[in-house]
C-alpha atoms as a PDB file:
ATOM      1  CA  MET A   1       5.383 -16.411 -55.230  1.00  0.00           C
ATOM      2  CA  LYS A   2       5.835 -18.497 -58.371  1.00  0.00           C
ATOM      3  CA  HIS A   3       3.672 -21.505 -59.226  1.00  0.00           C
ATOM      4  CA  ILE A   4       5.134 -23.769 -61.919  1.00  0.00           C
ATOM      5  CA  TRP A   5       3.208 -26.657 -63.457  1.00  0.00           C
ATOM      6  CA  LEU A   6       5.137 -29.142 -65.591  1.00  0.00           C
ATOM      7  CA  ILE A   7       3.007 -31.197 -68.000  1.00  0.00           C
ATOM      8  CA  ARG A   8       4.504 -34.094 -69.919  1.00  0.00           C
ATOM      9  CA  HIS A   9       3.289 -34.858 -73.434  1.00  0.00           C
ATOM     10  CA  GLY A  10       0.992 -37.802 -74.218  1.00  0.00           C
ATOM     11  CA  GLN A  11       2.242 -41.131 -75.515  1.00  0.00           C
ATOM     12  CA  SER A  12       4.214 -40.713 -78.733  1.00  0.00           C
ATOM     13  CA  MET A  13       4.315 -43.025 -81.726  1.00  0.00           C
ATOM     14  CA  SER A  14       7.960 -43.843 -80.999  1.00  0.00           C
ATOM     15  CA  GLN A  15       6.883 -45.276 -77.637  1.00  0.00           C
ATOM     16  CA  ILE A  16       4.807 -47.945 -79.383  1.00  0.00           C
ATOM     17  CA  ASP A  17       6.473 -48.373 -82.775  1.00  0.00           C
ATOM     18  CA  ALA A  18      10.230 -48.941 -82.979  1.00  0.00           C
ATOM     19  CA  THR A  19      10.222 -47.903 -86.646  1.00  0.00           C
ATOM     20  CA  VAL A  20       9.174 -44.318 -85.763  1.00  0.00           C
ATOM     21  CA  PRO A  21      12.194 -42.097 -85.071  1.00  0.00           C
ATOM     22  CA  GLY A  22      12.252 -40.908 -81.453  1.00  0.00           C
ATOM     23  CA  LEU A  23      13.551 -37.381 -81.960  1.00  0.00           C
ATOM     24  CA  ASN A  24      10.325 -35.625 -82.979  1.00  0.00           C
ATOM     25  CA  PRO A  25       7.474 -38.136 -83.301  1.00  0.00           C
ATOM     26  CA  PRO A  26       3.762 -37.287 -83.255  1.00  0.00           C
ATOM     27  CA  LEU A  27       1.365 -38.454 -80.554  1.00  0.00           C
ATOM     28  CA  SER A  28      -0.095 -41.934 -80.820  1.00  0.00           C
ATOM     29  CA  PRO A  29      -3.902 -42.327 -80.809  1.00  0.00           C
ATOM     30  CA  LEU A  30      -3.655 -43.145 -77.077  1.00  0.00           C
ATOM     31  CA  GLY A  31      -1.440 -40.083 -76.620  1.00  0.00           C
ATOM     32  CA  GLU A  32      -4.170 -37.930 -78.161  1.00  0.00           C
ATOM     33  CA  GLN A  33      -6.696 -39.437 -75.697  1.00  0.00           C
ATOM     34  CA  GLN A  34      -4.320 -38.765 -72.820  1.00  0.00           C
ATOM     35  CA  ALA A  35      -3.904 -35.144 -73.923  1.00  0.00           C
ATOM     36  CA  ARG A  36      -7.693 -34.662 -74.119  1.00  0.00           C
ATOM     37  CA  ALA A  37      -7.955 -36.132 -70.610  1.00  0.00           C
ATOM     38  CA  LEU A  38      -6.010 -33.062 -69.438  1.00  0.00           C
ATOM     39  CA  ILE A  39      -8.981 -30.787 -70.244  1.00  0.00           C
ATOM     40  CA  PRO A  40     -10.775 -31.158 -66.880  1.00  0.00           C
ATOM     41  CA  ARG A  41      -7.415 -31.268 -65.046  1.00  0.00           C
ATOM     42  CA  VAL A  42      -6.278 -27.847 -66.344  1.00  0.00           C
ATOM     43  CA  LYS A  43      -9.613 -26.099 -66.958  1.00  0.00           C
ATOM     44  CA  ASP A  44      -9.288 -23.907 -63.858  1.00  0.00           C
ATOM     45  CA  LEU A  45      -5.717 -22.886 -64.615  1.00  0.00           C
ATOM     46  CA  HIS A  46      -5.167 -19.624 -66.426  1.00  0.00           C
ATOM     47  CA  PRO A  47      -1.423 -19.106 -66.135  1.00  0.00           C
ATOM     48  CA  ASP A  48       0.388 -15.900 -66.844  1.00  0.00           C
ATOM     49  CA  VAL A  49       2.734 -17.777 -69.187  1.00  0.00           C
ATOM     50  CA  ILE A  50       2.570 -21.113 -71.002  1.00  0.00           C
ATOM     51  CA  PHE A  51       5.900 -22.347 -72.326  1.00  0.00           C
ATOM     52  CA  ILE A  52       5.786 -25.164 -74.881  1.00  0.00           C
ATOM     53  CA  SER A  53       8.568 -27.397 -76.099  1.00  0.00           C
ATOM     54  CA  PRO A  54       8.545 -26.954 -79.879  1.00  0.00           C
ATOM     55  CA  LEU A  55       8.614 -30.705 -80.450  1.00  0.00           C
ATOM     56  CA  ILE A  56       5.450 -32.074 -82.101  1.00  0.00           C
ATOM     57  CA  ARG A  57       4.293 -34.298 -79.212  1.00  0.00           C
ATOM     58  CA  ALA A  58       4.453 -31.487 -76.629  1.00  0.00           C
ATOM     59  CA  CYS A  59       2.886 -28.960 -78.996  1.00  0.00           C
ATOM     60  CA  ARG A  60      -0.030 -31.276 -79.798  1.00  0.00           C
ATOM     61  CA  THR A  61      -0.553 -32.108 -76.120  1.00  0.00           C
ATOM     62  CA  TYR A  62      -0.804 -28.382 -75.385  1.00  0.00           C
ATOM     63  CA  GLN A  63      -3.341 -27.922 -78.194  1.00  0.00           C
ATOM     64  CA  LEU A  64      -5.540 -30.838 -77.118  1.00  0.00           C
ATOM     65  CA  SER A  65      -5.495 -29.791 -73.449  1.00  0.00           C
ATOM     66  CA  GLN A  66      -7.359 -26.590 -74.391  1.00  0.00           C
ATOM     67  CA  ILE A  67      -5.550 -24.666 -71.646  1.00  0.00           C
ATOM     68  CA  ARG A  68      -5.480 -20.904 -72.037  1.00  0.00           C
ATOM     69  CA  GLY A  69      -2.992 -18.398 -70.695  1.00  0.00           C
ATOM     70  CA  ASP A  70      -2.078 -14.751 -70.987  1.00  0.00           C
ATOM     71  CA  ARG A  71       1.100 -15.462 -72.963  1.00  0.00           C
ATOM     72  CA  ILE A  72       1.791 -18.581 -75.043  1.00  0.00           C
ATOM     73  CA  ALA A  73       5.381 -19.081 -76.196  1.00  0.00           C
ATOM     74  CA  PHE A  74       7.621 -21.826 -77.458  1.00  0.00           C
ATOM     75  CA  ASN A  75      10.688 -22.284 -75.304  1.00  0.00           C
ATOM     76  CA  LYS A  76      13.591 -24.338 -76.626  1.00  0.00           C
ATOM     77  CA  CYS A  77      14.839 -24.872 -73.074  1.00  0.00           C
ATOM     78  CA  ALA A  78      11.833 -27.202 -72.599  1.00  0.00           C
ATOM     79  CA  LEU A  79      12.985 -29.601 -75.330  1.00  0.00           C
ATOM     80  CA  GLU A  80      13.577 -33.203 -74.327  1.00  0.00           C
ATOM     81  CA  SER A  81      16.975 -34.142 -72.948  1.00  0.00           C
ATOM     82  CA  ASN A  82      19.573 -34.419 -75.671  1.00  0.00           C
ATOM     83  CA  TRP A  83      20.788 -37.659 -74.033  1.00  0.00           C
ATOM     84  CA  GLY A  84      24.422 -36.561 -74.317  1.00  0.00           C
ATOM     85  CA  ARG A  85      24.272 -35.487 -77.989  1.00  0.00           C
ATOM     86  CA  ASP A  86      24.728 -31.727 -78.072  1.00  0.00           C
ATOM     87  CA  ASP A  87      23.675 -31.588 -81.730  1.00  0.00           C
ATOM     88  CA  ALA A  88      20.552 -33.765 -81.279  1.00  0.00           C
ATOM     89  CA  TYR A  89      18.117 -30.967 -82.192  1.00  0.00           C
ATOM     90  CA  ALA A  90      20.332 -29.044 -84.619  1.00  0.00           C
ATOM     91  CA  GLU A  91      18.348 -30.167 -87.680  1.00  0.00           C
ATOM     92  CA  VAL A  92      14.799 -29.864 -86.264  1.00  0.00           C
ATOM     93  CA  ASP A  93      12.705 -27.233 -88.078  1.00  0.00           C
ATOM     94  CA  PHE A  94      10.804 -25.126 -85.542  1.00  0.00           C
ATOM     95  CA  HIS A  95       9.431 -22.449 -87.915  1.00  0.00           C
ATOM     96  CA  SER A  96       6.269 -24.273 -89.001  1.00  0.00           C
ATOM     97  CA  LEU A  97       4.693 -23.687 -85.575  1.00  0.00           C
ATOM     98  CA  ALA A  98       4.410 -19.891 -85.715  1.00  0.00           C
ATOM     99  CA  ASP A  99       0.602 -19.855 -85.764  1.00  0.00           C
ATOM    100  CA  ILE A 100       0.370 -21.690 -82.397  1.00  0.00           C
ATOM    101  CA  ALA A 101       2.590 -19.591 -80.112  1.00  0.00           C
ATOM    102  CA  GLU A 102       5.386 -17.041 -80.078  1.00  0.00           C
ATOM    103  CA  ILE A 103       8.479 -18.457 -81.754  1.00  0.00           C
ATOM    104  CA  ASP A 104      11.642 -18.825 -79.683  1.00  0.00           C
ATOM    105  CA  PRO A 105      14.440 -17.367 -81.871  1.00  0.00           C
ATOM    106  CA  SER A 106      17.210 -18.540 -79.518  1.00  0.00           C
ATOM    107  CA  ASP A 107      19.746 -21.293 -80.068  1.00  0.00           C
ATOM    108  CA  HIS A 108      19.028 -22.772 -76.623  1.00  0.00           C
ATOM    109  CA  HIS A 109      18.173 -26.130 -78.198  1.00  0.00           C
ATOM    110  CA  LEU A 110      21.922 -26.542 -78.785  1.00  0.00           C
ATOM    111  CA  LEU A 111      22.781 -26.219 -75.077  1.00  0.00           C
ATOM    112  CA  PRO A 112      23.377 -29.193 -72.772  1.00  0.00           C
ATOM    113  CA  THR A 113      20.239 -30.353 -70.959  1.00  0.00           C
ATOM    114  CA  ARG A 114      21.303 -29.131 -67.494  1.00  0.00           C
ATOM    115  CA  ASP A 115      22.092 -25.672 -68.879  1.00  0.00           C
ATOM    116  CA  ARG A 116      18.658 -25.523 -70.527  1.00  0.00           C
ATOM    117  CA  ALA A 117      16.945 -26.570 -67.279  1.00  0.00           C
ATOM    118  CA  GLU A 118      18.769 -23.917 -65.272  1.00  0.00           C
ATOM    119  CA  LEU A 119      18.101 -21.265 -67.908  1.00  0.00           C
ATOM    120  CA  LEU A 120      14.368 -22.077 -67.924  1.00  0.00           C
ATOM    121  CA  ILE A 121      14.177 -21.854 -64.123  1.00  0.00           C
ATOM    122  CA  ALA A 122      16.055 -18.538 -64.177  1.00  0.00           C
ATOM    123  CA  GLU A 123      13.731 -17.208 -66.890  1.00  0.00           C
ATOM    124  CA  ILE A 124      10.665 -18.088 -64.816  1.00  0.00           C
ATOM    125  CA  ILE A 125      12.145 -16.498 -61.690  1.00  0.00           C
ATOM    126  CA  ALA A 126      12.955 -13.274 -63.572  1.00  0.00           C
ATOM    127  CA  ALA A 127       9.663 -13.081 -65.487  1.00  0.00           C
ATOM    128  CA  PRO A 128       6.713 -11.020 -64.359  1.00  0.00           C
ATOM    129  CA  GLY A 129       3.752 -13.099 -63.316  1.00  0.00           C
ATOM    130  CA  ALA A 130       3.084 -15.724 -60.707  1.00  0.00           C
ATOM    131  CA  SER A 131       1.879 -18.771 -62.642  1.00  0.00           C
ATOM    132  CA  PHE A 132       3.649 -20.745 -65.346  1.00  0.00           C
ATOM    133  CA  VAL A 133       2.857 -23.946 -67.214  1.00  0.00           C
ATOM    134  CA  VAL A 134       5.539 -25.819 -69.151  1.00  0.00           C
ATOM    135  CA  PHE A 135       4.604 -28.503 -71.697  1.00  0.00           C
ATOM    136  CA  GLY A 136       7.614 -30.739 -72.171  1.00  0.00           C
ATOM    137  CA  HIS A 137       9.233 -34.116 -71.671  1.00  0.00           C
ATOM    138  CA  TRP A 138      10.266 -36.379 -68.809  1.00  0.00           C
ATOM    139  CA  GLY A 139      14.025 -36.077 -69.483  1.00  0.00           C
ATOM    140  CA  ILE A 140      14.062 -32.282 -69.237  1.00  0.00           C
ATOM    141  CA  PHE A 141      11.595 -32.355 -66.327  1.00  0.00           C
ATOM    142  CA  SER A 142      13.859 -34.759 -64.479  1.00  0.00           C
ATOM    143  CA  GLN A 143      16.718 -32.312 -65.035  1.00  0.00           C
ATOM    144  CA  ILE A 144      14.539 -29.363 -63.967  1.00  0.00           C
ATOM    145  CA  PHE A 145      13.785 -31.275 -60.745  1.00  0.00           C
ATOM    146  CA  LYS A 146      17.514 -31.785 -60.122  1.00  0.00           C
ATOM    147  CA  SER A 147      18.397 -28.167 -60.945  1.00  0.00           C
ATOM    148  CA  PHE A 148      15.451 -26.737 -59.002  1.00  0.00           C
ATOM    149  CA  PHE A 149      16.538 -28.577 -55.845  1.00  0.00           C
ATOM    150  CA  ASN A 150      20.287 -28.338 -56.566  1.00  0.00           C
ATOM    151  CA  VAL A 151      20.850 -32.081 -56.783  1.00  0.00           C
ATOM    152  CA  ASP A 152      24.473 -32.883 -57.670  1.00  0.00           C
ATOM    153  CA  THR A 153      24.933 -33.478 -61.405  1.00  0.00           C
ATOM    154  CA  ALA A 154      26.725 -36.762 -60.679  1.00  0.00           C
ATOM    155  CA  ASP A 155      23.746 -38.032 -58.674  1.00  0.00           C
ATOM    156  CA  GLU A 156      21.700 -40.613 -60.584  1.00  0.00           C
ATOM    157  CA  THR A 157      18.404 -39.185 -59.276  1.00  0.00           C
ATOM    158  CA  ARG A 158      15.636 -39.387 -61.889  1.00  0.00           C
ATOM    159  CA  ALA A 159      12.210 -37.840 -61.511  1.00  0.00           C
ATOM    160  CA  ILE A 160      10.002 -39.996 -63.717  1.00  0.00           C
ATOM    161  CA  ASN A 161       6.845 -38.599 -65.337  1.00  0.00           C
ATOM    162  CA  GLU A 162       4.087 -40.702 -66.857  1.00  0.00           C
ATOM    163  CA  ASN A 163       2.444 -39.530 -70.070  1.00  0.00           C
ATOM    164  CA  THR A 164       0.431 -36.335 -69.428  1.00  0.00           C
ATOM    165  CA  ALA A 165       1.459 -36.313 -65.763  1.00  0.00           C
ATOM    166  CA  VAL A 166       1.254 -32.953 -64.036  1.00  0.00           C
ATOM    167  CA  SER A 167       3.842 -31.835 -61.495  1.00  0.00           C
ATOM    168  CA  LYS A 168       3.909 -28.617 -59.499  1.00  0.00           C
ATOM    169  CA  LEU A 169       6.838 -26.667 -58.116  1.00  0.00           C
ATOM    170  CA  VAL A 170       6.572 -23.513 -56.005  1.00  0.00           C
ATOM    171  CA  ILE A 171       8.983 -20.715 -55.169  1.00  0.00           C
ATOM    172  CA  THR A 172       7.761 -18.791 -52.133  1.00  0.00           C
ATOM    173  CA  ASP A 173       8.144 -15.063 -51.617  1.00  0.00           C
ATOM    174  CA  GLU A 174      11.031 -15.982 -49.302  1.00  0.00           C
ATOM    175  CA  SER A 175      12.697 -17.850 -52.229  1.00  0.00           C
ATOM    176  CA  ILE A 176      12.073 -21.250 -50.657  1.00  0.00           C
ATOM    177  CA  ARG A 177      11.722 -23.932 -53.330  1.00  0.00           C
ATOM    178  CA  GLN A 178       8.994 -26.471 -52.715  1.00  0.00           C
ATOM    179  CA  LEU A 179       7.589 -29.553 -54.384  1.00  0.00           C
ATOM    180  CA  GLU A 180       3.808 -29.487 -54.158  1.00  0.00           C
ATOM    181  CA  TYR A 181       3.279 -32.721 -56.131  1.00  0.00           C
ATOM    182  CA  TRP A 182       4.991 -34.825 -58.777  1.00  0.00           C
ATOM    183  CA  ASN A 183       3.760 -37.191 -61.510  1.00  0.00           C
ATOM    184  CA  ASP A 184       0.034 -36.695 -60.881  1.00  0.00           C
ATOM    185  CA  HIS A 185      -1.718 -38.645 -63.645  1.00  0.00           C
ATOM    186  CA  GLY A 186      -5.015 -39.409 -61.926  1.00  0.00           C
ATOM    187  CA  HIS A 187      -6.842 -37.450 -64.642  1.00  0.00           C
ATOM    188  CA  VAL A 188      -6.310 -40.322 -67.108  1.00  0.00           C
ATOM    189  CA  PRO A 189      -8.279 -43.153 -65.439  1.00  0.00           C
ATOM    190  CA  GLY A 190      -8.486 -46.300 -67.483  1.00  0.00           C
ATOM    191  CA  LEU A 191      -5.830 -45.151 -69.924  1.00  0.00           C
ATOM    192  CA  GLU A 192      -2.622 -47.141 -69.857  1.00  0.00           C
ATOM    193  CA  THR A 193       0.384 -44.889 -69.320  1.00  0.00           C
ATOM    194  CA  THR A 194       3.873 -45.879 -70.328  1.00  0.00           C
ATOM    195  CA  LEU A 195       7.270 -44.290 -70.333  1.00  0.00           C
END
């Protein structure tokens, strides 16, 4: 059985300030609070693998959550949707993060979003271990939802995630794919969440 938790990053500066570029912004002060609010939510998790999008907002959310796992690795498949621009992440420098987690040497950040989602799911299915946490973004998580449940690519289904929301997918030993919960953000009471 595979247990997969998807955790969206906290509020980014580009969500509150139109002058901040949206490609790789840092967390806002509220986003840092939201990420710290994850601490009690994830304290009992100790996944076999934690995959982190190597974008600053996801990386910082992972750090502030204080979650621990057996293996911590960046995974370029978890990058935000490229919103139709295949070269969107071509110029992002991922090498400065080497002291946080294993570096992902692949070129997967250049793949279309659906391909990245399917590749990440396949990697989790093939990997040893039963529990996985992915720190990422609502666009890629929405695509993971569609790929996980084989929703037609032309379908306009969107699986929205609030800032620092936690979602859980399960693959049973019989290979049945299940949604345990989606967009759980009850761990951030009193904090305004925005898309």
